Amino acid sequence: MIHIIRSRATPREIEEMLQPLGDYIKLAADVGRGILAGGGILHADCESALLEDGSRQEDVWGADWNPAAQ
């Protein structure tokens, strides 16, 4: 499941975003709008969610996040 995160992610959202890959989350961040999308198998999954939500391609960057590494 892909979530668009506009404020701090809830524990439930984090668990749902972890489901596809297990120990880390694929992310795409819109640096212009200050939001991100997380979940899915590919960064492109998250990127597509942001673009559908109104993000501009040039503002979207991919990343990975391992919540357990904090």
C-alpha atoms as a PDB file:
ATOM      1  CA  MET A   1       0.000   0.000   0.000  1.00  0.00           C
ATOM      2  CA  ILE A   2       1.286   3.444  -0.895  1.00  0.00           C
ATOM      3  CA  HIS A   3       0.614   6.310   1.474  1.00  0.00           C
ATOM      4  CA  ILE A   4       1.071   9.997   0.783  1.00  0.00           C
ATOM      5  CA  ILE A   5       2.513  11.426   3.979  1.00  0.00           C
ATOM      6  CA  ARG A   6       1.800  15.078   4.696  1.00  0.00           C
ATOM      7  CA  SER A   7       2.720  14.992   8.396  1.00  0.00           C
ATOM      8  CA  ARG A   8       4.355  12.458  10.711  1.00  0.00           C
ATOM      9  CA  ALA A   9       3.582   8.881   9.610  1.00  0.00           C
ATOM     10  CA  THR A  10       1.547   6.815  12.058  1.00  0.00           C
ATOM     11  CA  PRO A  11       2.804   3.416  13.240  1.00  0.00           C
ATOM     12  CA  ARG A  12       0.030   1.789  11.186  1.00  0.00           C
ATOM     13  CA  GLU A  13       1.096   3.634   8.016  1.00  0.00           C
ATOM     14  CA  ILE A  14       4.694   2.582   8.590  1.00  0.00           C
ATOM     15  CA  GLU A  15       3.663  -1.071   9.023  1.00  0.00           C
ATOM     16  CA  GLU A  16       1.576  -0.935   5.835  1.00  0.00           C
ATOM     17  CA  MET A  17       4.418   0.670   3.872  1.00  0.00           C
ATOM     18  CA  LEU A  18       6.806  -2.052   5.119  1.00  0.00           C
ATOM     19  CA  GLN A  19       4.614  -4.904   3.838  1.00  0.00           C
ATOM     20  CA  PRO A  20       5.895  -5.093   0.230  1.00  0.00           C
ATOM     21  CA  LEU A  21       9.621  -5.324   1.095  1.00  0.00           C
ATOM     22  CA  GLY A  22       9.722  -6.325   4.752  1.00  0.00           C
ATOM     23  CA  ASP A  23      12.561  -4.355   6.298  1.00  0.00           C
ATOM     24  CA  TYR A  24      12.693  -1.106   4.342  1.00  0.00           C
ATOM     25  CA  ILE A  25      10.370   1.291   2.561  1.00  0.00           C
ATOM     26  CA  LYS A  26      10.652   2.730  -0.937  1.00  0.00           C
ATOM     27  CA  LEU A  27       9.964   6.471  -0.875  1.00  0.00           C
ATOM     28  CA  ALA A  28       9.550   9.371  -3.242  1.00  0.00           C
ATOM     29  CA  ALA A  29       9.811  12.861  -1.778  1.00  0.00           C
ATOM     30  CA  ASP A  30       8.435  16.034  -3.306  1.00  0.00           C
ATOM     31  CA  VAL A  31      11.000  18.581  -2.151  1.00  0.00           C
ATOM     32  CA  GLY A  32       8.888  21.480  -3.391  1.00  0.00           C
ATOM     33  CA  ARG A  33       5.744  20.549  -1.500  1.00  0.00           C
ATOM     34  CA  GLY A  34       7.435  18.964   1.521  1.00  0.00           C
ATOM     35  CA  ILE A  35       5.534  15.665   1.284  1.00  0.00           C
ATOM     36  CA  LEU A  36       6.437  12.085   0.465  1.00  0.00           C
ATOM     37  CA  ALA A  37       4.886   8.865  -0.719  1.00  0.00           C
ATOM     38  CA  GLY A  38       5.989   5.542   0.692  1.00  0.00           C
ATOM     39  CA  GLY A  39       5.314   1.869   0.056  1.00  0.00           C
ATOM     40  CA  GLY A  40       5.179  -0.260  -3.047  1.00  0.00           C
ATOM     41  CA  ILE A  41       7.914  -2.262  -4.720  1.00  0.00           C
ATOM     42  CA  LEU A  42       9.560   0.488  -6.806  1.00  0.00           C
ATOM     43  CA  HIS A  43      10.351   4.168  -6.322  1.00  0.00           C
ATOM     44  CA  ALA A  44       8.278   4.673  -9.467  1.00  0.00           C
ATOM     45  CA  ASP A  45       5.178   3.435  -7.609  1.00  0.00           C
ATOM     46  CA  CYS A  46       5.601   6.227  -5.072  1.00  0.00           C
ATOM     47  CA  GLU A  47       6.538   8.744  -7.733  1.00  0.00           C
ATOM     48  CA  SER A  48       3.339   7.982  -9.653  1.00  0.00           C
ATOM     49  CA  ALA A  49       1.247   8.566  -6.519  1.00  0.00           C
ATOM     50  CA  LEU A  50       2.860  11.971  -6.033  1.00  0.00           C
ATOM     51  CA  LEU A  51       2.447  12.959  -9.676  1.00  0.00           C
ATOM     52  CA  GLU A  52      -1.237  12.011  -9.533  1.00  0.00           C
ATOM     53  CA  ASP A  53      -1.513  14.177  -6.402  1.00  0.00           C
ATOM     54  CA  GLY A  54      -0.168  17.229  -8.234  1.00  0.00           C
ATOM     55  CA  SER A  55       3.601  17.049  -7.796  1.00  0.00           C
ATOM     56  CA  ARG A  56       5.941  18.247 -10.541  1.00  0.00           C
ATOM     57  CA  GLN A  57       8.371  15.658 -11.923  1.00  0.00           C
ATOM     58  CA  GLU A  58      11.415  17.881 -11.355  1.00  0.00           C
ATOM     59  CA  ASP A  59      10.614  18.114  -7.618  1.00  0.00           C
ATOM     60  CA  VAL A  60      10.363  14.347  -6.975  1.00  0.00           C
ATOM     61  CA  TRP A  61      13.337  12.338  -5.659  1.00  0.00           C
ATOM     62  CA  GLY A  62      13.543   8.676  -4.646  1.00  0.00           C
ATOM     63  CA  ALA A  63      14.928   7.231  -1.429  1.00  0.00           C
ATOM     64  CA  ASP A  64      14.863   4.133   0.781  1.00  0.00           C
ATOM     65  CA  TRP A  65      14.140   4.109   4.515  1.00  0.00           C
ATOM     66  CA  ASN A  66      14.872   1.388   7.047  1.00  0.00           C
ATOM     67  CA  PRO A  67      12.868   2.315  10.166  1.00  0.00           C
ATOM     68  CA  ALA A  68      14.765  -0.219  12.288  1.00  0.00           C
ATOM     69  CA  ALA A  69      18.080   1.557  11.620  1.00  0.00           C
ATOM     70  CA  GLN A  70      17.150   4.550  13.753  1.00  0.00           C
END
